[in-house]
mmCIF file of all heavy atoms, coordinates in Angstrom:
data_MODEL
# 
_entry.id   MODEL 
# 
loop_
_atom_site.group_PDB 
_atom_site.id 
_atom_site.type_symbol 
_atom_site.label_atom_id 
_atom_site.label_alt_id 
_atom_site.label_comp_id 
_atom_site.label_asym_id 
_atom_site.label_entity_id 
_atom_site.label_seq_id 
_atom_site.pdbx_PDB_ins_code 
_atom_site.Cartn_x 
_atom_site.Cartn_y 
_atom_site.Cartn_z 
_atom_site.occupancy 
_atom_site.B_iso_or_equiv 
_atom_site.pdbx_formal_charge 
_atom_site.auth_seq_id 
_atom_site.auth_comp_id 
_atom_site.auth_asym_id 
_atom_site.auth_atom_id 
_atom_site.pdbx_PDB_model_num 
ATOM 1   N N   . TYR A 1 1  ? 0.849   -1.197 0.000  1.00 0.00 ? 1  TYR A N   1 
ATOM 2   C CA  . TYR A 1 1  ? 0.000   0.000  0.000  1.00 0.00 ? 1  TYR A CA  1 
ATOM 3   C C   . TYR A 1 1  ? 0.879   1.239  0.000  1.00 0.00 ? 1  TYR A C   1 
ATOM 4   O O   . TYR A 1 1  ? 1.776   1.370  0.845  1.00 0.00 ? 1  TYR A O   1 
ATOM 5   C CB  . TYR A 1 1  ? -0.922  0.017  1.222  1.00 0.00 ? 1  TYR A CB  1 
ATOM 6   C CG  . TYR A 1 1  ? -1.819  1.232  1.267  1.00 0.00 ? 1  TYR A CG  1 
ATOM 7   C CD1 . TYR A 1 1  ? -2.928  1.325  0.422  1.00 0.00 ? 1  TYR A CD1 1 
ATOM 8   C CD2 . TYR A 1 1  ? -1.557  2.300  2.122  1.00 0.00 ? 1  TYR A CD2 1 
ATOM 9   C CE1 . TYR A 1 1  ? -3.751  2.442  0.437  1.00 0.00 ? 1  TYR A CE1 1 
ATOM 10  C CE2 . TYR A 1 1  ? -2.385  3.425  2.147  1.00 0.00 ? 1  TYR A CE2 1 
ATOM 11  C CZ  . TYR A 1 1  ? -3.475  3.483  1.301  1.00 0.00 ? 1  TYR A CZ  1 
ATOM 12  O OH  . TYR A 1 1  ? -4.277  4.596  1.318  1.00 0.00 ? 1  TYR A OH  1 
ATOM 13  N N   . ASP A 1 2  ? 0.604   2.169  -0.916 1.00 0.00 ? 2  ASP A N   1 
ATOM 14  C CA  . ASP A 1 2  ? 1.403   3.392  -0.987 1.00 0.00 ? 2  ASP A CA  1 
ATOM 15  C C   . ASP A 1 2  ? 0.520   4.635  -1.053 1.00 0.00 ? 2  ASP A C   1 
ATOM 16  O O   . ASP A 1 2  ? 0.935   5.693  -1.523 1.00 0.00 ? 2  ASP A O   1 
ATOM 17  C CB  . ASP A 1 2  ? 2.359   3.359  -2.183 1.00 0.00 ? 2  ASP A CB  1 
ATOM 18  C CG  . ASP A 1 2  ? 1.638   3.177  -3.518 1.00 0.00 ? 2  ASP A CG  1 
ATOM 19  O OD1 . ASP A 1 2  ? 0.376   3.134  -3.517 1.00 0.00 ? 2  ASP A OD1 1 
ATOM 20  O OD2 . ASP A 1 2  ? 2.322   3.072  -4.552 1.00 0.00 ? 2  ASP A OD2 1 
ATOM 21  N N   . GLY A 1 3  ? -0.716  4.524  -0.570 1.00 0.00 ? 3  GLY A N   1 
ATOM 22  C CA  . GLY A 1 3  ? -1.636  5.647  -0.595 1.00 0.00 ? 3  GLY A CA  1 
ATOM 23  C C   . GLY A 1 3  ? -1.492  6.544  0.623  1.00 0.00 ? 3  GLY A C   1 
ATOM 24  O O   . GLY A 1 3  ? -0.571  6.391  1.438  1.00 0.00 ? 3  GLY A O   1 
ATOM 25  N N   . LEU A 1 4  ? -2.436  7.480  0.762  1.00 0.00 ? 4  LEU A N   1 
ATOM 26  C CA  . LEU A 1 4  ? -2.392  8.486  1.824  1.00 0.00 ? 4  LEU A CA  1 
ATOM 27  C C   . LEU A 1 4  ? -3.261  8.129  3.024  1.00 0.00 ? 4  LEU A C   1 
ATOM 28  O O   . LEU A 1 4  ? -3.382  8.921  3.954  1.00 0.00 ? 4  LEU A O   1 
ATOM 29  C CB  . LEU A 1 4  ? -2.834  9.840  1.266  1.00 0.00 ? 4  LEU A CB  1 
ATOM 30  C CG  . LEU A 1 4  ? -1.984  10.412 0.131  1.00 0.00 ? 4  LEU A CG  1 
ATOM 31  C CD1 . LEU A 1 4  ? -2.583  11.721 -0.371 1.00 0.00 ? 4  LEU A CD1 1 
ATOM 32  C CD2 . LEU A 1 4  ? -0.543  10.617 0.585  1.00 0.00 ? 4  LEU A CD2 1 
ATOM 33  N N   . GLY A 1 5  ? -3.856  6.929  3.007  1.00 0.00 ? 5  GLY A N   1 
ATOM 34  C CA  . GLY A 1 5  ? -4.726  6.535  4.108  1.00 0.00 ? 5  GLY A CA  1 
ATOM 35  C C   . GLY A 1 5  ? -6.142  7.024  3.916  1.00 0.00 ? 5  GLY A C   1 
ATOM 36  O O   . GLY A 1 5  ? -6.449  7.781  2.988  1.00 0.00 ? 5  GLY A O   1 
ATOM 37  N N   . ASP A 1 6  ? -7.034  6.605  4.818  1.00 0.00 ? 6  ASP A N   1 
ATOM 38  C CA  . ASP A 1 6  ? -8.451  6.924  4.696  1.00 0.00 ? 6  ASP A CA  1 
ATOM 39  C C   . ASP A 1 6  ? -9.015  7.685  5.899  1.00 0.00 ? 6  ASP A C   1 
ATOM 40  O O   . ASP A 1 6  ? -9.840  8.578  5.723  1.00 0.00 ? 6  ASP A O   1 
ATOM 41  C CB  . ASP A 1 6  ? -9.277  5.638  4.547  1.00 0.00 ? 6  ASP A CB  1 
ATOM 42  C CG  . ASP A 1 6  ? -8.930  4.858  3.300  1.00 0.00 ? 6  ASP A CG  1 
ATOM 43  O OD1 . ASP A 1 6  ? -8.780  5.486  2.234  1.00 0.00 ? 6  ASP A OD1 1 
ATOM 44  O OD2 . ASP A 1 6  ? -8.804  3.619  3.388  1.00 0.00 ? 6  ASP A OD2 1 
ATOM 45  N N   . PHE A 1 7  ? -8.585  7.308  7.121  1.00 0.00 ? 7  PHE A N   1 
ATOM 46  C CA  . PHE A 1 7  ? -9.271  7.790  8.311  1.00 0.00 ? 7  PHE A CA  1 
ATOM 47  C C   . PHE A 1 7  ? -8.309  8.193  9.426  1.00 0.00 ? 7  PHE A C   1 
ATOM 48  O O   . PHE A 1 7  ? -7.198  7.660  9.546  1.00 0.00 ? 7  PHE A O   1 
ATOM 49  C CB  . PHE A 1 7  ? -10.175 6.687  8.890  1.00 0.00 ? 7  PHE A CB  1 
ATOM 50  C CG  . PHE A 1 7  ? -11.291 6.248  7.981  1.00 0.00 ? 7  PHE A CG  1 
ATOM 51  C CD1 . PHE A 1 7  ? -11.206 5.054  7.283  1.00 0.00 ? 7  PHE A CD1 1 
ATOM 52  C CD2 . PHE A 1 7  ? -12.428 7.025  7.831  1.00 0.00 ? 7  PHE A CD2 1 
ATOM 53  C CE1 . PHE A 1 7  ? -12.236 4.634  6.452  1.00 0.00 ? 7  PHE A CE1 1 
ATOM 54  C CE2 . PHE A 1 7  ? -13.469 6.621  7.000  1.00 0.00 ? 7  PHE A CE2 1 
ATOM 55  C CZ  . PHE A 1 7  ? -13.367 5.425  6.315  1.00 0.00 ? 7  PHE A CZ  1 
ATOM 56  N N   . THR A 1 8  ? -8.802  9.109  10.245 1.00 0.00 ? 8  THR A N   1 
ATOM 57  C CA  . THR A 1 8  ? -8.248  9.308  11.578 1.00 0.00 ? 8  THR A CA  1 
ATOM 58  C C   . THR A 1 8  ? -9.269  8.736  12.561 1.00 0.00 ? 8  THR A C   1 
ATOM 59  O O   . THR A 1 8  ? -10.454 8.583  12.245 1.00 0.00 ? 8  THR A O   1 
ATOM 60  C CB  . THR A 1 8  ? -8.013  10.797 11.880 1.00 0.00 ? 8  THR A CB  1 
ATOM 61  O OG1 . THR A 1 8  ? -9.263  11.503 11.756 1.00 0.00 ? 8  THR A OG1 1 
ATOM 62  C CG2 . THR A 1 8  ? -7.009  11.396 10.907 1.00 0.00 ? 8  THR A CG2 1 
ATOM 63  N N   . MET A 1 9  ? -8.811  8.416  13.775 1.00 0.00 ? 9  MET A N   1 
ATOM 64  C CA  . MET A 1 9  ? -9.658  7.749  14.755 1.00 0.00 ? 9  MET A CA  1 
ATOM 65  C C   . MET A 1 9  ? -9.438  8.384  16.121 1.00 0.00 ? 9  MET A C   1 
ATOM 66  O O   . MET A 1 9  ? -8.297  8.571  16.544 1.00 0.00 ? 9  MET A O   1 
ATOM 67  C CB  . MET A 1 9  ? -9.316  6.249  14.788 1.00 0.00 ? 9  MET A CB  1 
ATOM 68  C CG  . MET A 1 9  ? -10.146 5.424  15.742 1.00 0.00 ? 9  MET A CG  1 
ATOM 69  S SD  . MET A 1 9  ? -10.039 3.630  15.417 1.00 0.00 ? 9  MET A SD  1 
ATOM 70  C CE  . MET A 1 9  ? -8.259  3.340  15.472 1.00 0.00 ? 9  MET A CE  1 
ATOM 71  N N   . ASP A 1 10 ? -10.538 8.727  16.818 1.00 0.00 ? 10 ASP A N   1 
ATOM 72  C CA  . ASP A 1 10 ? -10.378 9.308  18.156 1.00 0.00 ? 10 ASP A CA  1 
ATOM 73  C C   . ASP A 1 10 ? -10.239 8.202  19.199 1.00 0.00 ? 10 ASP A C   1 
ATOM 74  O O   . ASP A 1 10 ? -10.219 7.016  18.856 1.00 0.00 ? 10 ASP A O   1 
ATOM 75  C CB  . ASP A 1 10 ? -11.513 10.285 18.473 1.00 0.00 ? 10 ASP A CB  1 
ATOM 76  C CG  . ASP A 1 10 ? -12.866 9.608  18.707 1.00 0.00 ? 10 ASP A CG  1 
ATOM 77  O OD1 . ASP A 1 10 ? -12.919 8.376  18.891 1.00 0.00 ? 10 ASP A OD1 1 
ATOM 78  O OD2 . ASP A 1 10 ? -13.895 10.314 18.706 1.00 0.00 ? 10 ASP A OD2 1 
ATOM 79  N N   . ASP A 1 11 ? -10.137 8.579  20.465 1.00 0.00 ? 11 ASP A N   1 
ATOM 80  C CA  . ASP A 1 11 ? -9.840  7.566  21.480 1.00 0.00 ? 11 ASP A CA  1 
ATOM 81  C C   . ASP A 1 11 ? -11.026 6.677  21.807 1.00 0.00 ? 11 ASP A C   1 
ATOM 82  O O   . ASP A 1 11 ? -10.896 5.706  22.562 1.00 0.00 ? 11 ASP A O   1 
ATOM 83  C CB  . ASP A 1 11 ? -9.289  8.217  22.762 1.00 0.00 ? 11 ASP A CB  1 
ATOM 84  C CG  . ASP A 1 11 ? -10.253 9.224  23.380 1.00 0.00 ? 11 ASP A CG  1 
ATOM 85  O OD1 . ASP A 1 11 ? -11.381 9.378  22.858 1.00 0.00 ? 11 ASP A OD1 1 
ATOM 86  O OD2 . ASP A 1 11 ? -9.881  9.846  24.386 1.00 0.00 ? 11 ASP A OD2 1 
ATOM 87  N N   . THR A 1 12 ? -12.204 6.962  21.226 1.00 0.00 ? 12 THR A N   1 
ATOM 88  C CA  . THR A 1 12 ? -13.340 6.051  21.364 1.00 0.00 ? 12 THR A CA  1 
ATOM 89  C C   . THR A 1 12 ? -13.474 5.128  20.161 1.00 0.00 ? 12 THR A C   1 
ATOM 90  O O   . THR A 1 12 ? -14.332 4.251  20.139 1.00 0.00 ? 12 THR A O   1 
ATOM 91  C CB  . THR A 1 12 ? -14.663 6.831  21.524 1.00 0.00 ? 12 THR A CB  1 
ATOM 92  O OG1 . THR A 1 12 ? -15.014 7.433  20.279 1.00 0.00 ? 12 THR A OG1 1 
ATOM 93  C CG2 . THR A 1 12 ? -14.546 7.882  22.617 1.00 0.00 ? 12 THR A CG2 1 
ATOM 94  N N   . GLY A 1 13 ? -12.637 5.354  19.135 1.00 0.00 ? 13 GLY A N   1 
ATOM 95  C CA  . GLY A 1 13 ? -12.727 4.570  17.913 1.00 0.00 ? 13 GLY A CA  1 
ATOM 96  C C   . GLY A 1 13 ? -13.585 5.190  16.836 1.00 0.00 ? 13 GLY A C   1 
ATOM 97  O O   . GLY A 1 13 ? -13.712 4.639  15.741 1.00 0.00 ? 13 GLY A O   1 
ATOM 98  N N   . ARG A 1 14 ? -14.177 6.352  17.109 1.00 0.00 ? 14 ARG A N   1 
ATOM 99  C CA  . ARG A 1 14 ? -15.020 7.018  16.118 1.00 0.00 ? 14 ARG A CA  1 
ATOM 100 C C   . ARG A 1 14 ? -14.125 7.588  15.009 1.00 0.00 ? 14 ARG A C   1 
ATOM 101 O O   . ARG A 1 14 ? -13.060 8.131  15.283 1.00 0.00 ? 14 ARG A O   1 
ATOM 102 C CB  . ARG A 1 14 ? -15.849 8.108  16.787 1.00 0.00 ? 14 ARG A CB  1 
ATOM 103 C CG  . ARG A 1 14 ? -16.992 8.621  15.939 1.00 0.00 ? 14 ARG A CG  1 
ATOM 104 C CD  . ARG A 1 14 ? -17.903 9.552  16.732 1.00 0.00 ? 14 ARG A CD  1 
ATOM 105 N NE  . ARG A 1 14 ? -18.988 8.814  17.379 1.00 0.00 ? 14 ARG A NE  1 
ATOM 106 C CZ  . ARG A 1 14 ? -19.126 8.679  18.691 1.00 0.00 ? 14 ARG A CZ  1 
ATOM 107 N NH1 . ARG A 1 14 ? -18.235 9.210  19.516 1.00 0.00 ? 14 ARG A NH1 1 
ATOM 108 N NH2 . ARG A 1 14 ? -20.149 8.015  19.182 1.00 0.00 ? 14 ARG A NH2 1 
ATOM 109 N N   . LEU A 1 15 ? -14.594 7.467  13.763 1.00 0.00 ? 15 LEU A N   1 
ATOM 110 C CA  . LEU A 1 15 ? -13.748 7.798  12.616 1.00 0.00 ? 15 LEU A CA  1 
ATOM 111 C C   . LEU A 1 15 ? -14.076 9.150  11.997 1.00 0.00 ? 15 LEU A C   1 
ATOM 112 O O   . LEU A 1 15 ? -15.217 9.619  12.034 1.00 0.00 ? 15 LEU A O   1 
ATOM 113 C CB  . LEU A 1 15 ? -13.894 6.719  11.535 1.00 0.00 ? 15 LEU A CB  1 
ATOM 114 C CG  . LEU A 1 15 ? -13.477 5.302  11.940 1.00 0.00 ? 15 LEU A CG  1 
ATOM 115 C CD1 . LEU A 1 15 ? -13.631 4.360  10.749 1.00 0.00 ? 15 LEU A CD1 1 
ATOM 116 C CD2 . LEU A 1 15 ? -12.058 5.264  12.481 1.00 0.00 ? 15 LEU A CD2 1 
ATOM 117 N N   . SER A 1 16 ? -13.038 9.763  11.387 1.00 0.00 ? 16 SER A N   1 
ATOM 118 C CA  . SER A 1 16 ? -13.167 10.952 10.550 1.00 0.00 ? 16 SER A CA  1 
ATOM 119 C C   . SER A 1 16 ? -12.379 10.715 9.272  1.00 0.00 ? 16 SER A C   1 
ATOM 120 O O   . SER A 1 16 ? -11.362 10.001 9.278  1.00 0.00 ? 16 SER A O   1 
ATOM 121 C CB  . SER A 1 16 ? -12.620 12.188 11.264 1.00 0.00 ? 16 SER A CB  1 
ATOM 122 O OG  . SER A 1 16 ? -13.307 12.438 12.473 1.00 0.00 ? 16 SER A OG  1 
ATOM 123 N N   . ARG A 1 17 ? -12.820 11.313 8.184  1.00 0.00 ? 17 ARG A N   1 
ATOM 124 C CA  . ARG A 1 17 ? -12.131 11.167 6.905  1.00 0.00 ? 17 ARG A CA  1 
ATOM 125 C C   . ARG A 1 17 ? -10.805 11.931 6.905  1.00 0.00 ? 17 ARG A C   1 
ATOM 126 O O   . ARG A 1 17 ? -10.639 12.937 7.593  1.00 0.00 ? 17 ARG A O   1 
ATOM 127 C CB  . ARG A 1 17 ? -13.008 11.698 5.773  1.00 0.00 ? 17 ARG A CB  1 
ATOM 128 C CG  . ARG A 1 17 ? -14.155 10.780 5.393  1.00 0.00 ? 17 ARG A CG  1 
ATOM 129 C CD  . ARG A 1 17 ? -13.688 9.592  4.607  1.00 0.00 ? 17 ARG A CD  1 
ATOM 130 N NE  . ARG A 1 17 ? -14.813 8.783  4.118  1.00 0.00 ? 17 ARG A NE  1 
ATOM 131 C CZ  . ARG A 1 17 ? -14.655 7.633  3.475  1.00 0.00 ? 17 ARG A CZ  1 
ATOM 132 N NH1 . ARG A 1 17 ? -13.442 7.161  3.244  1.00 0.00 ? 17 ARG A NH1 1 
ATOM 133 N NH2 . ARG A 1 17 ? -15.702 6.959  3.061  1.00 0.00 ? 17 ARG A NH2 1 
ATOM 134 N N   . ARG A 1 18 ? -9.887  11.453 6.090  1.00 0.00 ? 18 ARG A N   1 
ATOM 135 C CA  . ARG A 1 18 ? -8.598  12.126 5.898  1.00 0.00 ? 18 ARG A CA  1 
ATOM 136 C C   . ARG A 1 18 ? -8.809  13.529 5.350  1.00 0.00 ? 18 ARG A C   1 
ATOM 137 O O   . ARG A 1 18 ? -9.594  13.740 4.429  1.00 0.00 ? 18 ARG A O   1 
ATOM 138 C CB  . ARG A 1 18 ? -7.752  11.304 4.926  1.00 0.00 ? 18 ARG A CB  1 
ATOM 139 C CG  . ARG A 1 18 ? -6.428  11.942 4.542  1.00 0.00 ? 18 ARG A CG  1 
ATOM 140 C CD  . ARG A 1 18 ? -5.651  11.055 3.584  1.00 0.00 ? 18 ARG A CD  1 
ATOM 141 N NE  . ARG A 1 18 ? -6.337  10.853 2.319  1.00 0.00 ? 18 ARG A NE  1 
ATOM 142 C CZ  . ARG A 1 18 ? -6.298  11.696 1.301  1.00 0.00 ? 18 ARG A CZ  1 
ATOM 143 N NH1 . ARG A 1 18 ? -5.592  12.832 1.388  1.00 0.00 ? 18 ARG A NH1 1 
ATOM 144 N NH2 . ARG A 1 18 ? -6.938  11.433 0.179  1.00 0.00 ? 18 ARG A NH2 1 
ATOM 145 N N   . ALA A 1 19 ? -8.105  14.479 5.920  1.00 0.00 ? 19 ALA A N   1 
ATOM 146 C CA  . ALA A 1 19 ? -8.162  15.847 5.410  1.00 0.00 ? 19 ALA A CA  1 
ATOM 147 C C   . ALA A 1 19 ? -7.433  15.932 4.072  1.00 0.00 ? 19 ALA A C   1 
ATOM 148 O O   . ALA A 1 19 ? -6.463  15.204 3.822  1.00 0.00 ? 19 ALA A O   1 
ATOM 149 C CB  . ALA A 1 19 ? -7.538  16.813 6.411  1.00 0.00 ? 19 ALA A CB  1 
ATOM 150 N N   . GLU A 1 20 ? -7.886  16.831 3.219  1.00 0.00 ? 20 GLU A N   1 
ATOM 151 C CA  . GLU A 1 20 ? -7.279  16.994 1.898  1.00 0.00 ? 20 GLU A CA  1 
ATOM 152 C C   . GLU A 1 20 ? -5.811  17.378 2.024  1.00 0.00 ? 20 GLU A C   1 
ATOM 153 O O   . GLU A 1 20 ? -5.429  18.166 2.880  1.00 0.00 ? 20 GLU A O   1 
ATOM 154 C CB  . GLU A 1 20 ? -8.032  18.075 1.124  1.00 0.00 ? 20 GLU A CB  1 
ATOM 155 C CG  . GLU A 1 20 ? -7.658  18.152 -0.341 1.00 0.00 ? 20 GLU A CG  1 
ATOM 156 C CD  . GLU A 1 20 ? -8.514  19.135 -1.113 1.00 0.00 ? 20 GLU A CD  1 
ATOM 157 O OE1 . GLU A 1 20 ? -9.468  19.684 -0.529 1.00 0.00 ? 20 GLU A OE1 1 
ATOM 158 O OE2 . GLU A 1 20 ? -8.209  19.353 -2.302 1.00 0.00 ? 20 GLU A OE2 1 
ATOM 159 N N   . ARG A 1 21 ? -4.983  16.735 1.182  1.00 0.00 ? 21 ARG A N   1 
ATOM 160 C CA  . ARG A 1 21 ? -3.537  16.957 1.125  1.00 0.00 ? 21 ARG A CA  1 
ATOM 161 C C   . ARG A 1 21 ? -2.833  16.554 2.434  1.00 0.00 ? 21 ARG A C   1 
ATOM 162 O O   . ARG A 1 21 ? -1.736  17.021 2.716  1.00 0.00 ? 21 ARG A O   1 
ATOM 163 C CB  . ARG A 1 21 ? -3.210  18.413 0.768  1.00 0.00 ? 21 ARG A CB  1 
ATOM 164 C CG  . ARG A 1 21 ? -3.674  18.814 -0.623 1.00 0.00 ? 21 ARG A CG  1 
ATOM 165 C CD  . ARG A 1 21 ? -3.140  20.174 -1.024 1.00 0.00 ? 21 ARG A CD  1 
ATOM 166 N NE  . ARG A 1 21 ? -3.649  21.231 -0.155 1.00 0.00 ? 21 ARG A NE  1 
ATOM 167 C CZ  . ARG A 1 21 ? -4.831  21.833 -0.333 1.00 0.00 ? 21 ARG A CZ  1 
ATOM 168 N NH1 . ARG A 1 21 ? -5.607  21.475 -1.341 1.00 0.00 ? 21 ARG A NH1 1 
ATOM 169 N NH2 . ARG A 1 21 ? -5.224  22.779 0.495  1.00 0.00 ? 21 ARG A NH2 1 
ATOM 170 N N   . ARG A 1 22 ? -3.464  15.709 3.214  1.00 0.00 ? 22 ARG A N   1 
ATOM 171 C CA  . ARG A 1 22 ? -2.857  15.178 4.433  1.00 0.00 ? 22 ARG A CA  1 
ATOM 172 C C   . ARG A 1 22 ? -2.739  13.664 4.337  1.00 0.00 ? 22 ARG A C   1 
ATOM 173 O O   . ARG A 1 22 ? -3.438  13.023 3.564  1.00 0.00 ? 22 ARG A O   1 
ATOM 174 C CB  . ARG A 1 22 ? -3.705  15.541 5.654  1.00 0.00 ? 22 ARG A CB  1 
ATOM 175 C CG  . ARG A 1 22 ? -3.831  17.036 5.902  1.00 0.00 ? 22 ARG A CG  1 
ATOM 176 C CD  . ARG A 1 22 ? -2.533  17.621 6.430  1.00 0.00 ? 22 ARG A CD  1 
ATOM 177 N NE  . ARG A 1 22 ? -2.668  19.047 6.729  1.00 0.00 ? 22 ARG A NE  1 
ATOM 178 C CZ  . ARG A 1 22 ? -3.072  19.517 7.909  1.00 0.00 ? 22 ARG A CZ  1 
ATOM 179 N NH1 . ARG A 1 22 ? -3.397  18.682 8.883  1.00 0.00 ? 22 ARG A NH1 1 
ATOM 180 N NH2 . ARG A 1 22 ? -3.155  20.826 8.113  1.00 0.00 ? 22 ARG A NH2 1 
ATOM 181 N N   . VAL A 1 23 ? -1.861  13.102 5.146  1.00 0.00 ? 23 VAL A N   1 
ATOM 182 C CA  . VAL A 1 23 ? -1.762  11.647 5.281  1.00 0.00 ? 23 VAL A CA  1 
ATOM 183 C C   . VAL A 1 23 ? -2.523  11.244 6.536  1.00 0.00 ? 23 VAL A C   1 
ATOM 184 O O   . VAL A 1 23 ? -2.318  11.819 7.610  1.00 0.00 ? 23 VAL A O   1 
ATOM 185 C CB  . VAL A 1 23 ? -0.292  11.195 5.377  1.00 0.00 ? 23 VAL A CB  1 
ATOM 186 C CG1 . VAL A 1 23 ? -0.213  9.690  5.632  1.00 0.00 ? 23 VAL A CG1 1 
ATOM 187 C CG2 . VAL A 1 23 ? 0.465   11.557 4.103  1.00 0.00 ? 23 VAL A CG2 1 
ATOM 188 N N   . ALA A 1 24 ? -3.436  10.295 6.394  1.00 0.00 ? 24 ALA A N   1 
ATOM 189 C CA  . ALA A 1 24 ? -4.187  9.792  7.541  1.00 0.00 ? 24 ALA A CA  1 
ATOM 190 C C   . ALA A 1 24 ? -3.483  8.567  8.108  1.00 0.00 ? 24 ALA A C   1 
ATOM 191 O O   . ALA A 1 24 ? -2.839  7.804  7.365  1.00 0.00 ? 24 ALA A O   1 
ATOM 192 C CB  . ALA A 1 24 ? -5.608  9.436  7.126  1.00 0.00 ? 24 ALA A CB  1 
ATOM 193 N N   . PRO A 1 25 ? -3.592  8.308  9.406  1.00 0.00 ? 25 PRO A N   1 
ATOM 194 C CA  . PRO A 1 25 ? -2.858  7.192  10.007 1.00 0.00 ? 25 PRO A CA  1 
ATOM 195 C C   . PRO A 1 25 ? -3.408  5.817  9.680  1.00 0.00 ? 25 PRO A C   1 
ATOM 196 O O   . PRO A 1 25 ? -2.691  4.822  9.809  1.00 0.00 ? 25 PRO A O   1 
ATOM 197 C CB  . PRO A 1 25 ? -2.959  7.468  11.518 1.00 0.00 ? 25 PRO A CB  1 
ATOM 198 C CG  . PRO A 1 25 ? -4.157  8.342  11.679 1.00 0.00 ? 25 PRO A CG  1 
ATOM 199 C CD  . PRO A 1 25 ? -4.252  9.152  10.430 1.00 0.00 ? 25 PRO A CD  1 
ATOM 200 N N   . PHE A 1 26 ? -4.679  5.743  9.228  1.00 0.00 ? 26 PHE A N   1 
ATOM 201 C CA  . PHE A 1 26 ? -5.285  4.429  9.025  1.00 0.00 ? 26 PHE A CA  1 
ATOM 202 C C   . PHE A 1 26 ? -5.909  4.304  7.644  1.00 0.00 ? 26 PHE A C   1 
ATOM 203 O O   . PHE A 1 26 ? -6.454  5.263  7.090  1.00 0.00 ? 26 PHE A O   1 
ATOM 204 C CB  . PHE A 1 26 ? -6.374  4.169  10.082 1.00 0.00 ? 26 PHE A CB  1 
ATOM 205 C CG  . PHE A 1 26 ? -5.843  4.122  11.487 1.00 0.00 ? 26 PHE A CG  1 
ATOM 206 C CD1 . PHE A 1 26 ? -6.080  5.167  12.364 1.00 0.00 ? 26 PHE A CD1 1 
ATOM 207 C CD2 . PHE A 1 26 ? -5.086  3.050  11.926 1.00 0.00 ? 26 PHE A CD2 1 
ATOM 208 C CE1 . PHE A 1 26 ? -5.588  5.140  13.653 1.00 0.00 ? 26 PHE A CE1 1 
ATOM 209 C CE2 . PHE A 1 26 ? -4.581  3.007  13.212 1.00 0.00 ? 26 PHE A CE2 1 
ATOM 210 C CZ  . PHE A 1 26 ? -4.832  4.057  14.082 1.00 0.00 ? 26 PHE A CZ  1 
ATOM 211 N N   . VAL A 1 27 ? -5.854  3.075  7.117  1.00 0.00 ? 27 VAL A N   1 
ATOM 212 C CA  . VAL A 1 27 ? -6.466  2.748  5.834  1.00 0.00 ? 27 VAL A CA  1 
ATOM 213 C C   . VAL A 1 27 ? -7.446  1.599  6.062  1.00 0.00 ? 27 VAL A C   1 
ATOM 214 O O   . VAL A 1 27 ? -7.192  0.691  6.860  1.00 0.00 ? 27 VAL A O   1 
ATOM 215 C CB  . VAL A 1 27 ? -5.386  2.380  4.788  1.00 0.00 ? 27 VAL A CB  1 
ATOM 216 C CG1 . VAL A 1 27 ? -4.497  1.234  5.248  1.00 0.00 ? 27 VAL A CG1 1 
ATOM 217 C CG2 . VAL A 1 27 ? -6.026  2.044  3.443  1.00 0.00 ? 27 VAL A CG2 1 
ATOM 218 N N   . TYR A 1 28 ? -8.585  1.668  5.386  1.00 0.00 ? 28 TYR A N   1 
ATOM 219 C CA  . TYR A 1 28 ? -9.583  0.604  5.470  1.00 0.00 ? 28 TYR A CA  1 
ATOM 220 C C   . TYR A 1 28 ? -9.044  -0.645 4.805  1.00 0.00 ? 28 TYR A C   1 
ATOM 221 O O   . TYR A 1 28 ? -8.605  -0.618 3.661  1.00 0.00 ? 28 TYR A O   1 
ATOM 222 C CB  . TYR A 1 28 ? -10.873 1.072  4.804  1.00 0.00 ? 28 TYR A CB  1 
ATOM 223 C CG  . TYR A 1 28 ? -11.946 0.020  4.686  1.00 0.00 ? 28 TYR A CG  1 
ATOM 224 C CD1 . TYR A 1 28 ? -12.316 -0.756 5.780  1.00 0.00 ? 28 TYR A CD1 1 
ATOM 225 C CD2 . TYR A 1 28 ? -12.595 -0.191 3.471  1.00 0.00 ? 28 TYR A CD2 1 
ATOM 226 C CE1 . TYR A 1 28 ? -13.309 -1.720 5.665  1.00 0.00 ? 28 TYR A CE1 1 
ATOM 227 C CE2 . TYR A 1 28 ? -13.602 -1.132 3.350  1.00 0.00 ? 28 TYR A CE2 1 
ATOM 228 C CZ  . TYR A 1 28 ? -13.944 -1.894 4.454  1.00 0.00 ? 28 TYR A CZ  1 
ATOM 229 O OH  . TYR A 1 28 ? -14.932 -2.862 4.337  1.00 0.00 ? 28 TYR A OH  1 
ATOM 230 N N   . SER A 1 29 ? -9.085  -1.763 5.522  1.00 0.00 ? 29 SER A N   1 
ATOM 231 C CA  . SER A 1 29 ? -8.458  -2.999 5.043  1.00 0.00 ? 29 SER A CA  1 
ATOM 232 C C   . SER A 1 29 ? -9.383  -3.880 4.218  1.00 0.00 ? 29 SER A C   1 
ATOM 233 O O   . SER A 1 29 ? -8.959  -4.923 3.722  1.00 0.00 ? 29 SER A O   1 
ATOM 234 C CB  . SER A 1 29 ? -7.963  -3.821 6.245  1.00 0.00 ? 29 SER A CB  1 
ATOM 235 O OG  . SER A 1 29 ? -9.066  -4.375 6.954  1.00 0.00 ? 29 SER A OG  1 
ATOM 236 N N   . GLY A 1 30 ? -10.653 -3.478 4.085  1.00 0.00 ? 30 GLY A N   1 
ATOM 237 C CA  . GLY A 1 30 ? -11.583 -4.305 3.317  1.00 0.00 ? 30 GLY A CA  1 
ATOM 238 C C   . GLY A 1 30 ? -12.284 -5.359 4.131  1.00 0.00 ? 30 GLY A C   1 
ATOM 239 O O   . GLY A 1 30 ? -12.800 -6.337 3.577  1.00 0.00 ? 30 GLY A O   1 
ATOM 240 N N   . ALA A 1 31 ? -12.323 -5.204 5.455  1.00 0.00 ? 31 ALA A N   1 
ATOM 241 C CA  . ALA A 1 31 ? -13.078 -6.106 6.326  1.00 0.00 ? 31 ALA A CA  1 
ATOM 242 C C   . ALA A 1 31 ? -13.828 -5.266 7.352  1.00 0.00 ? 31 ALA A C   1 
ATOM 243 O O   . ALA A 1 31 ? -13.325 -4.227 7.796  1.00 0.00 ? 31 ALA A O   1 
ATOM 244 C CB  . ALA A 1 31 ? -12.154 -7.099 7.021  1.00 0.00 ? 31 ALA A CB  1 
ATOM 245 N N   . ALA A 1 32 ? -15.022 -5.710 7.717  1.00 0.00 ? 32 ALA A N   1 
ATOM 246 C CA  . ALA A 1 32 ? -15.861 -4.901 8.603  1.00 0.00 ? 32 ALA A CA  1 
ATOM 247 C C   . ALA A 1 32 ? -16.983 -5.747 9.177  1.00 0.00 ? 32 ALA A C   1 
ATOM 248 O O   . ALA A 1 32 ? -17.236 -6.877 8.724  1.00 0.00 ? 32 ALA A O   1 
ATOM 249 C CB  . ALA A 1 32 ? -16.461 -3.726 7.826  1.00 0.00 ? 32 ALA A CB  1 
# 
């Protein structure tokens, strides 16, 4: 994987989308 990631996550696990032109710490792995 060489992308910029998809989400940031707060300490409860709630997700937010990656901000434009930023790298997000987490990428969706295709399982849920």
